[in-house]
Amino acid sequence: MKILMLLGAQGSGKGTQSARLAQEFGLVPCASGDLLREAMTLGTPLGVRARPYYDSGELVPDDLIIGMILERLNSLSGANGIILDGFPRNRAQAEALDVALRQMGQKIEGVIYLDVPRALLVERISGRLICRAQGHVYNINSNPPRVPGICDIDQSALYQRKDDIGDALEHKLDIFFAETLPLTKYYDDQGKLIKVDGTQSIEEVNHNILVKLKAASQ
């Protein structure tokens, strides 16, 4: 079973590259936020336990998120593995996830860090638009919808998240650079880190990821 991880700040392009890697290797994208919402919608035991934290705006305990990741690994149907995105966010979570995976006889094979300067992240995120129906993502600067304010795919209204602008955005990036970025050293020390310049085009980033993954597997 193949387990990859995408590491990067919001706006670094993780979602886009996750979809491409999933298609390339036959993997299932495993974004922690999507897992959480799915578990709560389905009413799974973990989803039921997570609901009170989510509804009150508190962080869902790490063991519940890790449990959802393990459930996804155990429920793969025909897929070759998963691509993690959004978890872990700090070293304590990374260590706990490593322990849980070892107990399953599994491990993370490669951690792809999309390196993007903070100024460019602010530019990308502040221009981001999301469709209300299915969460399709656009950007007024680099990937605008054909009709302003309307999703190309399902014609639902587009909106901008409140935490994508101003002080909320800066706080979000502060947390990433203070708590999540140090994970690059954690995984580099394990020989798993693959650093890619995330300022390039989507196609160039994808090409470099594939080249470096191939080199790392040899």
N, C-alpha and C. Protein backbone atom coordinates (compact mmCIF):
# COMPACT_ATOMS: atom_id res chain seq x y z
N MET A 1 0.84 -1.19 0.00
CA MET A 1 0.00 0.00 0.00
C MET A 1 0.89 1.25 0.00
N LYS A 2 0.54 2.21 -0.85
CA LYS A 2 1.34 3.42 -0.98
C LYS A 2 0.70 4.56 -0.19
N ILE A 3 1.48 5.22 0.67
CA ILE A 3 0.99 6.38 1.41
C ILE A 3 1.92 7.55 1.14
N LEU A 4 1.38 8.59 0.50
CA LEU A 4 2.12 9.81 0.26
C LEU A 4 1.49 10.93 1.07
N MET A 5 2.25 11.99 1.28
CA MET A 5 1.72 13.15 1.99
C MET A 5 2.11 14.42 1.24
N LEU A 6 1.16 15.35 1.17
CA LEU A 6 1.44 16.67 0.63
C LEU A 6 1.52 17.66 1.79
N LEU A 7 2.62 18.39 1.83
CA LEU A 7 2.86 19.35 2.91
C LEU A 7 3.03 20.73 2.30
N GLY A 8 2.30 21.69 2.82
CA GLY A 8 2.40 23.05 2.30
C GLY A 8 1.31 23.91 2.90
N ALA A 9 1.52 25.21 2.85
CA ALA A 9 0.53 26.14 3.38
C ALA A 9 -0.69 26.16 2.47
N GLN A 10 -1.81 26.66 2.99
CA GLN A 10 -2.96 26.89 2.13
C GLN A 10 -2.53 27.86 1.03
N GLY A 11 -2.93 27.54 -0.19
CA GLY A 11 -2.52 28.37 -1.32
C GLY A 11 -1.30 27.84 -2.04
N SER A 12 -0.73 26.75 -1.52
CA SER A 12 0.47 26.20 -2.15
C SER A 12 0.15 25.28 -3.32
N GLY A 13 -1.12 24.88 -3.44
CA GLY A 13 -1.52 24.03 -4.56
C GLY A 13 -1.66 22.57 -4.20
N LYS A 14 -1.79 22.25 -2.92
CA LYS A 14 -1.87 20.85 -2.50
C LYS A 14 -3.07 20.13 -3.11
N GLY A 15 -4.23 20.77 -3.09
CA GLY A 15 -5.43 20.12 -3.61
C GLY A 15 -5.29 19.74 -5.08
N THR A 16 -4.75 20.65 -5.86
CA THR A 16 -4.56 20.40 -7.29
C THR A 16 -3.60 19.25 -7.53
N GLN A 17 -2.48 19.26 -6.82
CA GLN A 17 -1.48 18.21 -7.02
C GLN A 17 -1.95 16.88 -6.45
N SER A 18 -2.75 16.91 -5.39
CA SER A 18 -3.29 15.68 -4.84
C SER A 18 -4.15 14.96 -5.87
N ALA A 19 -5.00 15.72 -6.57
CA ALA A 19 -5.86 15.13 -7.59
C ALA A 19 -5.04 14.51 -8.72
N ARG A 20 -3.97 15.19 -9.11
CA ARG A 20 -3.14 14.67 -10.20
C ARG A 20 -2.37 13.42 -9.78
N LEU A 21 -1.84 13.43 -8.57
CA LEU A 21 -1.10 12.28 -8.09
C LEU A 21 -2.03 11.08 -7.87
N ALA A 22 -3.25 11.37 -7.44
CA ALA A 22 -4.23 10.30 -7.26
C ALA A 22 -4.47 9.57 -8.57
N GLN A 23 -4.60 10.35 -9.63
CA GLN A 23 -4.84 9.75 -10.95
C GLN A 23 -3.60 9.02 -11.45
N GLU A 24 -2.43 9.58 -11.19
CA GLU A 24 -1.18 9.00 -11.68
C GLU A 24 -0.89 7.64 -11.03
N PHE A 25 -1.14 7.54 -9.73
CA PHE A 25 -0.74 6.34 -9.00
C PHE A 25 -1.92 5.48 -8.52
N GLY A 26 -3.14 5.88 -8.84
CA GLY A 26 -4.29 5.11 -8.39
C GLY A 26 -4.51 5.22 -6.90
N LEU A 27 -4.34 6.43 -6.37
CA LEU A 27 -4.48 6.68 -4.94
C LEU A 27 -5.77 7.43 -4.63
N VAL A 28 -6.16 7.42 -3.37
CA VAL A 28 -7.35 8.13 -2.92
C VAL A 28 -6.92 9.39 -2.17
N PRO A 29 -7.32 10.59 -2.63
CA PRO A 29 -7.02 11.81 -1.87
C PRO A 29 -7.64 11.72 -0.48
N CYS A 30 -6.88 12.11 0.52
CA CYS A 30 -7.32 11.94 1.91
C CYS A 30 -7.09 13.24 2.67
N ALA A 31 -7.88 14.28 2.35
CA ALA A 31 -7.78 15.56 3.05
C ALA A 31 -8.50 15.43 4.39
N SER A 32 -7.85 15.86 5.46
CA SER A 32 -8.40 15.64 6.79
C SER A 32 -9.76 16.31 6.96
N GLY A 33 -9.94 17.50 6.40
CA GLY A 33 -11.22 18.18 6.52
C GLY A 33 -12.34 17.42 5.83
N ASP A 34 -12.04 16.85 4.66
CA ASP A 34 -13.05 16.07 3.94
C ASP A 34 -13.39 14.79 4.70
N LEU A 35 -12.37 14.14 5.27
CA LEU A 35 -12.61 12.93 6.06
C LEU A 35 -13.53 13.22 7.24
N LEU A 36 -13.26 14.34 7.90
CA LEU A 36 -14.06 14.71 9.07
C LEU A 36 -15.51 14.97 8.69
N ARG A 37 -15.71 15.76 7.64
CA ARG A 37 -17.08 16.08 7.23
C ARG A 37 -17.82 14.83 6.76
N GLU A 38 -17.12 13.95 6.06
CA GLU A 38 -17.74 12.72 5.59
C GLU A 38 -18.16 11.83 6.76
N ALA A 39 -17.26 11.71 7.75
CA ALA A 39 -17.56 10.86 8.91
C ALA A 39 -18.76 11.39 9.68
N MET A 40 -18.87 12.71 9.79
CA MET A 40 -20.00 13.30 10.51
C MET A 40 -21.28 13.14 9.72
N THR A 41 -21.20 13.31 8.40
CA THR A 41 -22.39 13.16 7.56
C THR A 41 -22.92 11.74 7.59
N LEU A 42 -22.00 10.76 7.57
CA LEU A 42 -22.40 9.35 7.58
C LEU A 42 -22.78 8.88 8.98
N GLY A 43 -22.40 9.65 9.98
CA GLY A 43 -22.72 9.26 11.34
C GLY A 43 -21.92 8.08 11.84
N THR A 44 -20.66 7.96 11.39
CA THR A 44 -19.81 6.88 11.89
C THR A 44 -19.51 7.12 13.37
N PRO A 45 -19.09 6.07 14.10
CA PRO A 45 -18.75 6.28 15.52
C PRO A 45 -17.75 7.41 15.74
N LEU A 46 -16.71 7.49 14.89
CA LEU A 46 -15.74 8.56 15.03
C LEU A 46 -16.36 9.91 14.67
N GLY A 47 -17.21 9.91 13.66
CA GLY A 47 -17.88 11.15 13.28
C GLY A 47 -18.79 11.67 14.38
N VAL A 48 -19.49 10.76 15.04
CA VAL A 48 -20.37 11.15 16.15
C VAL A 48 -19.56 11.74 17.30
N ARG A 49 -18.41 11.13 17.58
CA ARG A 49 -17.56 11.65 18.66
C ARG A 49 -16.95 13.00 18.30
N ALA A 50 -16.70 13.21 17.00
CA ALA A 50 -16.07 14.46 16.57
C ALA A 50 -17.06 15.62 16.48
N ARG A 51 -18.33 15.33 16.28
CA ARG A 51 -19.34 16.36 16.03
C ARG A 51 -19.38 17.46 17.09
N PRO A 52 -19.40 17.15 18.39
CA PRO A 52 -19.47 18.23 19.39
C PRO A 52 -18.30 19.21 19.31
N TYR A 53 -17.10 18.69 19.04
CA TYR A 53 -15.93 19.56 18.91
C TYR A 53 -16.09 20.47 17.69
N TYR A 54 -16.51 19.88 16.58
CA TYR A 54 -16.67 20.62 15.33
C TYR A 54 -17.74 21.70 15.48
N ASP A 55 -18.86 21.35 16.07
CA ASP A 55 -19.97 22.30 16.19
C ASP A 55 -19.65 23.45 17.12
N SER A 56 -18.78 23.20 18.10
CA SER A 56 -18.43 24.26 19.04
C SER A 56 -17.21 25.06 18.61
N GLY A 57 -16.65 24.69 17.45
CA GLY A 57 -15.50 25.42 16.92
C GLY A 57 -14.18 25.00 17.53
N GLU A 58 -14.17 23.92 18.31
CA GLU A 58 -12.93 23.43 18.91
C GLU A 58 -12.20 22.51 17.94
N LEU A 59 -10.90 22.33 18.18
CA LEU A 59 -10.13 21.40 17.36
C LEU A 59 -10.56 19.97 17.69
N VAL A 60 -10.78 19.19 16.68
CA VAL A 60 -11.12 17.78 16.87
C VAL A 60 -9.87 17.06 17.36
N PRO A 61 -9.96 16.25 18.43
CA PRO A 61 -8.77 15.57 18.97
C PRO A 61 -8.02 14.76 17.91
N ASP A 62 -6.70 14.74 18.06
CA ASP A 62 -5.85 14.07 17.08
C ASP A 62 -6.21 12.61 16.90
N ASP A 63 -6.55 11.92 18.01
CA ASP A 63 -6.81 10.49 17.90
C ASP A 63 -8.02 10.19 17.02
N LEU A 64 -8.98 11.12 16.98
CA LEU A 64 -10.15 10.91 16.13
C LEU A 64 -9.78 11.07 14.65
N ILE A 65 -8.98 12.09 14.34
CA ILE A 65 -8.55 12.28 12.95
C ILE A 65 -7.69 11.11 12.49
N ILE A 66 -6.78 10.67 13.34
CA ILE A 66 -5.93 9.52 12.99
C ILE A 66 -6.79 8.29 12.78
N GLY A 67 -7.80 8.12 13.64
CA GLY A 67 -8.71 6.99 13.47
C GLY A 67 -9.42 7.02 12.13
N MET A 68 -9.81 8.21 11.68
CA MET A 68 -10.48 8.34 10.38
C MET A 68 -9.53 8.00 9.24
N ILE A 69 -8.26 8.39 9.38
CA ILE A 69 -7.27 8.05 8.36
C ILE A 69 -7.08 6.53 8.28
N LEU A 70 -7.00 5.90 9.45
CA LEU A 70 -6.83 4.44 9.47
C LEU A 70 -8.05 3.74 8.90
N GLU A 71 -9.23 4.27 9.19
CA GLU A 71 -10.46 3.70 8.62
C GLU A 71 -10.43 3.78 7.10
N ARG A 72 -9.96 4.91 6.57
CA ARG A 72 -9.89 5.06 5.12
C ARG A 72 -8.91 4.06 4.53
N LEU A 73 -7.79 3.85 5.20
CA LEU A 73 -6.82 2.86 4.73
C LEU A 73 -7.43 1.46 4.71
N ASN A 74 -8.24 1.16 5.70
CA ASN A 74 -8.84 -0.17 5.80
C ASN A 74 -10.02 -0.38 4.86
N SER A 75 -10.52 0.72 4.29
CA SER A 75 -11.72 0.61 3.47
C SER A 75 -11.45 0.88 1.99
N LEU A 76 -10.19 0.90 1.59
CA LEU A 76 -9.86 1.15 0.19
C LEU A 76 -10.41 0.03 -0.68
N SER A 77 -11.02 0.42 -1.79
CA SER A 77 -11.59 -0.57 -2.69
C SER A 77 -10.95 -0.43 -4.07
N GLY A 78 -9.94 -1.23 -4.31
CA GLY A 78 -9.27 -1.20 -5.60
C GLY A 78 -8.20 -0.15 -5.75
N ALA A 79 -8.08 0.76 -4.77
CA ALA A 79 -7.06 1.80 -4.84
C ALA A 79 -5.73 1.27 -4.31
N ASN A 80 -4.65 1.94 -4.71
CA ASN A 80 -3.31 1.50 -4.31
C ASN A 80 -2.83 2.12 -3.01
N GLY A 81 -3.60 3.08 -2.49
CA GLY A 81 -3.19 3.76 -1.26
C GLY A 81 -3.86 5.11 -1.16
N ILE A 82 -3.26 6.01 -0.36
CA ILE A 82 -3.86 7.33 -0.12
C ILE A 82 -2.82 8.43 -0.24
N ILE A 83 -3.32 9.65 -0.38
CA ILE A 83 -2.49 10.86 -0.32
C ILE A 83 -3.03 11.71 0.82
N LEU A 84 -2.22 11.92 1.84
CA LEU A 84 -2.62 12.72 2.99
C LEU A 84 -2.45 14.20 2.71
N ASP A 85 -3.40 15.00 3.19
CA ASP A 85 -3.36 16.45 2.99
C ASP A 85 -4.07 17.11 4.17
N GLY A 86 -3.35 17.96 4.90
CA GLY A 86 -3.97 18.69 6.01
C GLY A 86 -3.72 18.10 7.38
N PHE A 87 -3.12 16.95 7.44
CA PHE A 87 -2.78 16.30 8.70
C PHE A 87 -1.60 15.39 8.44
N PRO A 88 -0.58 15.44 9.30
CA PRO A 88 -0.44 16.19 10.54
C PRO A 88 -0.11 17.67 10.32
N ARG A 89 -0.38 18.47 11.37
CA ARG A 89 -0.08 19.89 11.32
C ARG A 89 1.08 20.27 12.23
N ASN A 90 1.52 19.35 13.06
CA ASN A 90 2.64 19.63 13.96
C ASN A 90 3.36 18.33 14.29
N ARG A 91 4.47 18.43 15.01
CA ARG A 91 5.30 17.25 15.26
C ARG A 91 4.59 16.21 16.11
N ALA A 92 3.85 16.64 17.13
CA ALA A 92 3.17 15.68 17.98
C ALA A 92 2.19 14.83 17.17
N GLN A 93 1.47 15.46 16.25
CA GLN A 93 0.55 14.72 15.39
C GLN A 93 1.30 13.79 14.46
N ALA A 94 2.43 14.26 13.93
CA ALA A 94 3.23 13.44 13.01
C ALA A 94 3.74 12.19 13.71
N GLU A 95 4.21 12.35 14.93
CA GLU A 95 4.72 11.21 15.68
C GLU A 95 3.61 10.22 16.00
N ALA A 96 2.44 10.75 16.39
CA ALA A 96 1.30 9.87 16.71
C ALA A 96 0.83 9.11 15.47
N LEU A 97 0.83 9.79 14.33
CA LEU A 97 0.43 9.13 13.09
C LEU A 97 1.42 8.05 12.70
N ASP A 98 2.71 8.31 12.85
CA ASP A 98 3.73 7.31 12.54
C ASP A 98 3.53 6.06 13.39
N VAL A 99 3.25 6.25 14.68
CA VAL A 99 3.04 5.11 15.58
C VAL A 99 1.83 4.30 15.13
N ALA A 100 0.72 5.00 14.84
CA ALA A 100 -0.51 4.31 14.42
C ALA A 100 -0.31 3.53 13.13
N LEU A 101 0.41 4.12 12.19
CA LEU A 101 0.66 3.42 10.92
C LEU A 101 1.57 2.21 11.12
N ARG A 102 2.57 2.35 11.98
CA ARG A 102 3.46 1.21 12.24
C ARG A 102 2.69 0.03 12.82
N GLN A 103 1.71 0.35 13.66
CA GLN A 103 0.90 -0.72 14.26
C GLN A 103 0.08 -1.45 13.20
N MET A 104 -0.16 -0.79 12.07
CA MET A 104 -0.85 -1.43 10.94
C MET A 104 0.11 -2.08 9.96
N GLY A 105 1.41 -1.92 10.23
CA GLY A 105 2.40 -2.42 9.29
C GLY A 105 2.57 -1.51 8.08
N GLN A 106 2.21 -0.24 8.25
CA GLN A 106 2.28 0.72 7.14
C GLN A 106 3.20 1.89 7.51
N LYS A 107 3.56 2.68 6.52
CA LYS A 107 4.37 3.87 6.76
C LYS A 107 4.18 4.85 5.61
N ILE A 108 4.48 6.10 5.87
CA ILE A 108 4.47 7.12 4.83
C ILE A 108 5.73 6.95 3.98
N GLU A 109 5.55 6.84 2.67
CA GLU A 109 6.69 6.61 1.78
C GLU A 109 7.38 7.90 1.38
N GLY A 110 6.59 8.93 1.11
CA GLY A 110 7.18 10.18 0.66
C GLY A 110 6.34 11.37 1.09
N VAL A 111 7.02 12.46 1.45
CA VAL A 111 6.35 13.69 1.88
C VAL A 111 6.76 14.80 0.93
N ILE A 112 5.81 15.29 0.16
CA ILE A 112 6.08 16.30 -0.87
C ILE A 112 5.78 17.68 -0.31
N TYR A 113 6.82 18.49 -0.16
CA TYR A 113 6.65 19.85 0.37
C TYR A 113 6.61 20.83 -0.79
N LEU A 114 5.49 21.52 -0.93
CA LEU A 114 5.35 22.55 -1.96
C LEU A 114 5.79 23.88 -1.37
N ASP A 115 6.96 24.31 -1.75
CA ASP A 115 7.60 25.50 -1.19
C ASP A 115 7.14 26.75 -1.93
N VAL A 116 6.42 27.62 -1.23
CA VAL A 116 5.91 28.86 -1.82
C VAL A 116 6.16 30.01 -0.83
N PRO A 117 6.77 31.12 -1.26
CA PRO A 117 7.01 32.25 -0.36
C PRO A 117 5.71 32.82 0.21
N ARG A 118 5.81 33.37 1.39
CA ARG A 118 4.62 33.87 2.08
C ARG A 118 3.89 34.94 1.27
N ALA A 119 4.62 35.84 0.66
CA ALA A 119 3.97 36.92 -0.11
C ALA A 119 3.11 36.36 -1.23
N LEU A 120 3.60 35.32 -1.90
CA LEU A 120 2.83 34.71 -2.98
C LEU A 120 1.63 33.95 -2.43
N LEU A 121 1.79 33.32 -1.27
CA LEU A 121 0.66 32.64 -0.64
C LEU A 121 -0.48 33.62 -0.35
N VAL A 122 -0.12 34.79 0.18
CA VAL A 122 -1.13 35.82 0.47
C VAL A 122 -1.85 36.23 -0.81
N GLU A 123 -1.09 36.41 -1.89
CA GLU A 123 -1.68 36.80 -3.16
C GLU A 123 -2.63 35.72 -3.67
N ARG A 124 -2.21 34.48 -3.58
CA ARG A 124 -3.04 33.38 -4.08
C ARG A 124 -4.31 33.21 -3.24
N ILE A 125 -4.14 33.18 -1.92
CA ILE A 125 -5.29 32.90 -1.06
C ILE A 125 -6.30 34.04 -1.09
N SER A 126 -5.82 35.27 -1.09
CA SER A 126 -6.74 36.42 -1.06
C SER A 126 -7.54 36.54 -2.35
N GLY A 127 -7.09 35.84 -3.41
CA GLY A 127 -7.83 35.86 -4.67
C GLY A 127 -8.68 34.62 -4.88
N ARG A 128 -8.75 33.77 -3.86
CA ARG A 128 -9.43 32.48 -4.00
C ARG A 128 -10.95 32.62 -3.87
N LEU A 129 -11.67 31.90 -4.75
CA LEU A 129 -13.12 31.84 -4.73
C LEU A 129 -13.54 30.38 -4.69
N ILE A 130 -14.58 30.06 -3.94
CA ILE A 130 -15.02 28.68 -3.77
C ILE A 130 -16.50 28.57 -4.10
N CYS A 131 -16.88 27.51 -4.82
CA CYS A 131 -18.29 27.35 -5.17
C CYS A 131 -19.05 26.73 -3.99
N ARG A 132 -20.28 27.19 -3.80
CA ARG A 132 -21.06 26.78 -2.63
C ARG A 132 -21.57 25.34 -2.74
N ALA A 133 -21.72 24.84 -3.95
CA ALA A 133 -22.30 23.51 -4.12
C ALA A 133 -21.31 22.39 -3.82
N GLN A 134 -20.16 22.42 -4.50
CA GLN A 134 -19.23 21.29 -4.43
C GLN A 134 -17.81 21.69 -4.00
N GLY A 135 -17.60 22.97 -3.72
CA GLY A 135 -16.28 23.40 -3.25
C GLY A 135 -15.23 23.52 -4.33
N HIS A 136 -15.63 23.63 -5.60
CA HIS A 136 -14.65 23.85 -6.67
C HIS A 136 -13.94 25.18 -6.44
N VAL A 137 -12.65 25.20 -6.68
CA VAL A 137 -11.84 26.37 -6.33
C VAL A 137 -11.40 27.13 -7.58
N TYR A 138 -11.50 28.45 -7.51
CA TYR A 138 -11.05 29.34 -8.57
C TYR A 138 -10.15 30.41 -7.97
N ASN A 139 -9.51 31.19 -8.83
CA ASN A 139 -8.70 32.31 -8.36
C ASN A 139 -8.87 33.46 -9.34
N ILE A 140 -9.20 34.62 -8.81
CA ILE A 140 -9.47 35.76 -9.68
C ILE A 140 -8.25 36.19 -10.47
N ASN A 141 -7.05 35.79 -10.00
CA ASN A 141 -5.82 36.18 -10.69
C ASN A 141 -5.33 35.12 -11.67
N SER A 142 -5.34 33.86 -11.24
CA SER A 142 -4.72 32.81 -12.06
C SER A 142 -5.69 31.83 -12.68
N ASN A 143 -6.90 31.71 -12.12
CA ASN A 143 -7.86 30.73 -12.64
C ASN A 143 -9.28 31.25 -12.44
N PRO A 144 -9.63 32.34 -13.12
CA PRO A 144 -10.96 32.93 -12.90
C PRO A 144 -12.06 32.10 -13.57
N PRO A 145 -13.28 32.16 -13.05
CA PRO A 145 -14.41 31.47 -13.70
C PRO A 145 -14.75 32.18 -15.01
N ARG A 146 -15.39 31.44 -15.91
CA ARG A 146 -15.76 32.05 -17.19
C ARG A 146 -16.76 33.19 -16.99
N VAL A 147 -17.70 32.99 -16.08
CA VAL A 147 -18.68 34.02 -15.73
C VAL A 147 -18.38 34.48 -14.31
N PRO A 148 -18.08 35.76 -14.10
CA PRO A 148 -17.74 36.23 -12.76
C PRO A 148 -18.77 35.83 -11.71
N GLY A 149 -18.29 35.23 -10.62
CA GLY A 149 -19.16 34.87 -9.52
C GLY A 149 -19.93 33.59 -9.67
N ILE A 150 -19.72 32.86 -10.79
CA ILE A 150 -20.47 31.63 -11.06
C ILE A 150 -19.50 30.48 -11.36
N CYS A 151 -19.75 29.32 -10.74
CA CYS A 151 -18.91 28.14 -10.97
C CYS A 151 -19.10 27.62 -12.39
N ASP A 152 -17.99 27.34 -13.08
CA ASP A 152 -18.05 26.80 -14.44
C ASP A 152 -18.72 25.44 -14.48
N ILE A 153 -18.57 24.64 -13.41
CA ILE A 153 -18.97 23.24 -13.44
C ILE A 153 -20.44 23.04 -13.07
N ASP A 154 -20.88 23.67 -11.97
CA ASP A 154 -22.25 23.43 -11.52
C ASP A 154 -23.09 24.70 -11.43
N GLN A 155 -22.52 25.83 -11.88
CA GLN A 155 -23.25 27.11 -11.95
C GLN A 155 -23.73 27.62 -10.59
N SER A 156 -23.13 27.12 -9.51
CA SER A 156 -23.48 27.65 -8.20
C SER A 156 -22.70 28.95 -7.95
N ALA A 157 -23.13 29.70 -6.93
CA ALA A 157 -22.48 30.97 -6.60
C ALA A 157 -21.10 30.72 -6.00
N LEU A 158 -20.17 31.62 -6.29
CA LEU A 158 -18.84 31.57 -5.72
C LEU A 158 -18.75 32.54 -4.54
N TYR A 159 -17.97 32.18 -3.54
CA TYR A 159 -17.81 33.06 -2.39
C TYR A 159 -16.36 33.05 -1.92
N GLN A 160 -16.01 34.05 -1.12
CA GLN A 160 -14.67 34.14 -0.54
C GLN A 160 -14.76 33.87 0.96
N ARG A 161 -13.96 32.93 1.45
CA ARG A 161 -13.98 32.61 2.87
C ARG A 161 -13.46 33.78 3.70
N LYS A 162 -14.04 33.96 4.87
CA LYS A 162 -13.64 35.08 5.73
C LYS A 162 -12.20 34.96 6.20
N ASP A 163 -11.71 33.72 6.34
CA ASP A 163 -10.33 33.55 6.80
C ASP A 163 -9.33 33.57 5.66
N ASP A 164 -9.77 33.96 4.47
CA ASP A 164 -8.87 34.09 3.32
C ASP A 164 -8.42 35.53 3.11
N ILE A 165 -8.79 36.42 3.99
CA ILE A 165 -8.42 37.84 3.84
C ILE A 165 -8.02 38.42 5.20
N GLY A 166 -7.25 39.52 5.14
CA GLY A 166 -6.94 40.31 6.33
C GLY A 166 -6.19 39.58 7.42
N ASP A 167 -6.49 39.96 8.66
CA ASP A 167 -5.78 39.41 9.82
C ASP A 167 -5.97 37.91 9.96
N ALA A 168 -7.15 37.41 9.58
CA ALA A 168 -7.42 35.98 9.70
C ALA A 168 -6.48 35.18 8.80
N LEU A 169 -6.23 35.69 7.61
CA LEU A 169 -5.30 35.03 6.69
C LEU A 169 -3.89 35.04 7.25
N GLU A 170 -3.45 36.20 7.75
CA GLU A 170 -2.10 36.30 8.30
C GLU A 170 -1.92 35.36 9.49
N HIS A 171 -2.96 35.25 10.32
CA HIS A 171 -2.88 34.36 11.48
C HIS A 171 -2.76 32.90 11.03
N LYS A 172 -3.51 32.55 10.01
CA LYS A 172 -3.47 31.19 9.47
C LYS A 172 -2.06 30.86 8.97
N LEU A 173 -1.44 31.80 8.29
CA LEU A 173 -0.08 31.57 7.78
C LEU A 173 0.93 31.56 8.92
N ASP A 174 0.72 32.39 9.95
CA ASP A 174 1.60 32.37 11.12
C ASP A 174 1.67 30.98 11.72
N ILE A 175 0.50 30.36 11.86
CA ILE A 175 0.43 29.02 12.45
C ILE A 175 1.18 28.01 11.58
N PHE A 176 0.99 28.11 10.26
CA PHE A 176 1.68 27.17 9.38
C PHE A 176 3.19 27.29 9.52
N PHE A 177 3.70 28.50 9.43
CA PHE A 177 5.16 28.67 9.45
C PHE A 177 5.76 28.36 10.82
N ALA A 178 4.98 28.54 11.89
CA ALA A 178 5.50 28.27 13.23
C ALA A 178 5.39 26.79 13.61
N GLU A 179 4.28 26.13 13.22
CA GLU A 179 4.01 24.78 13.70
C GLU A 179 4.17 23.68 12.65
N THR A 180 3.77 23.97 11.42
CA THR A 180 3.76 22.92 10.40
C THR A 180 5.06 22.87 9.60
N LEU A 181 5.61 24.02 9.27
CA LEU A 181 6.84 24.03 8.48
C LEU A 181 7.97 23.21 9.11
N PRO A 182 8.13 23.21 10.45
CA PRO A 182 9.18 22.37 11.04
C PRO A 182 9.05 20.88 10.73
N LEU A 183 7.89 20.45 10.24
CA LEU A 183 7.74 19.05 9.85
C LEU A 183 8.64 18.69 8.67
N THR A 184 9.07 19.70 7.92
CA THR A 184 9.97 19.40 6.81
C THR A 184 11.27 18.77 7.33
N LYS A 185 11.76 19.27 8.47
CA LYS A 185 12.96 18.68 9.05
C LYS A 185 12.67 17.29 9.62
N TYR A 186 11.51 17.14 10.24
CA TYR A 186 11.13 15.84 10.82
C TYR A 186 11.14 14.76 9.74
N TYR A 187 10.54 15.06 8.60
CA TYR A 187 10.48 14.05 7.53
C TYR A 187 11.78 13.97 6.74
N ASP A 188 12.53 15.06 6.67
CA ASP A 188 13.83 15.03 6.01
C ASP A 188 14.78 14.12 6.78
N ASP A 189 14.70 14.19 8.11
CA ASP A 189 15.54 13.33 8.94
C ASP A 189 15.21 11.85 8.72
N GLN A 190 13.99 11.56 8.28
CA GLN A 190 13.58 10.19 7.98
C GLN A 190 13.91 9.80 6.53
N GLY A 191 14.44 10.76 5.78
CA GLY A 191 14.76 10.49 4.38
C GLY A 191 13.56 10.44 3.47
N LYS A 192 12.44 11.09 3.89
CA LYS A 192 11.20 11.02 3.13
C LYS A 192 10.84 12.32 2.41
N LEU A 193 11.52 13.42 2.72
CA LEU A 193 11.10 14.72 2.21
C LEU A 193 11.49 14.92 0.75
N ILE A 194 10.52 15.41 -0.03
CA ILE A 194 10.73 15.78 -1.43
C ILE A 194 10.29 17.23 -1.57
N LYS A 195 11.24 18.12 -1.73
CA LYS A 195 10.95 19.55 -1.79
C LYS A 195 10.80 20.00 -3.24
N VAL A 196 9.69 20.69 -3.51
CA VAL A 196 9.39 21.12 -4.87
C VAL A 196 9.06 22.60 -4.86
N ASP A 197 9.54 23.32 -5.85
CA ASP A 197 9.25 24.75 -6.00
C ASP A 197 7.80 24.93 -6.41
N GLY A 198 6.98 25.40 -5.48
CA GLY A 198 5.56 25.54 -5.74
C GLY A 198 5.16 26.80 -6.45
N THR A 199 6.14 27.63 -6.85
CA THR A 199 5.82 28.87 -7.56
C THR A 199 5.66 28.63 -9.06
N GLN A 200 6.01 27.45 -9.52
CA GLN A 200 5.93 27.13 -10.95
C GLN A 200 4.48 26.88 -11.37
N SER A 201 4.29 26.64 -12.65
CA SER A 201 2.96 26.32 -13.15
C SER A 201 2.52 24.97 -12.60
N ILE A 202 1.22 24.71 -12.67
CA ILE A 202 0.69 23.43 -12.19
C ILE A 202 1.38 22.26 -12.88
N GLU A 203 1.57 22.39 -14.19
CA GLU A 203 2.19 21.30 -14.96
C GLU A 203 3.64 21.10 -14.56
N GLU A 204 4.37 22.20 -14.34
CA GLU A 204 5.78 22.09 -13.96
C GLU A 204 5.92 21.49 -12.57
N VAL A 205 5.06 21.92 -11.65
CA VAL A 205 5.10 21.36 -10.29
C VAL A 205 4.83 19.86 -10.35
N ASN A 206 3.82 19.46 -11.09
CA ASN A 206 3.48 18.04 -11.20
C ASN A 206 4.63 17.25 -11.80
N HIS A 207 5.24 17.78 -12.85
CA HIS A 207 6.36 17.09 -13.50
C HIS A 207 7.52 16.91 -12.52
N ASN A 208 7.85 17.95 -11.77
CA ASN A 208 8.96 17.86 -10.83
C ASN A 208 8.66 16.87 -9.70
N ILE A 209 7.41 16.83 -9.25
CA ILE A 209 7.03 15.86 -8.22
C ILE A 209 7.26 14.44 -8.73
N LEU A 210 6.79 14.17 -9.94
CA LEU A 210 6.90 12.81 -10.49
C LEU A 210 8.36 12.41 -10.68
N VAL A 211 9.16 13.35 -11.18
CA VAL A 211 10.59 13.07 -11.38
C VAL A 211 11.27 12.75 -10.05
N LYS A 212 10.97 13.56 -9.03
CA LYS A 212 11.64 13.37 -7.74
C LYS A 212 11.13 12.12 -7.02
N LEU A 213 9.84 11.80 -7.19
CA LEU A 213 9.33 10.57 -6.61
C LEU A 213 9.99 9.35 -7.24
N LYS A 214 10.17 9.40 -8.55
CA LYS A 214 10.83 8.28 -9.25
C LYS A 214 12.26 8.13 -8.78
N ALA A 215 12.97 9.27 -8.65
CA ALA A 215 14.36 9.21 -8.20
C ALA A 215 14.47 8.68 -6.77
N ALA A 216 13.50 9.06 -5.93
CA ALA A 216 13.55 8.63 -4.54
C ALA A 216 13.28 7.15 -4.38
N SER A 217 12.56 6.57 -5.33
CA SER A 217 12.20 5.15 -5.24
C SER A 217 13.27 4.23 -5.79
N GLN A 218 14.29 4.80 -6.42
CA GLN A 218 15.34 3.99 -7.03
C GLN A 218 16.47 3.69 -6.04
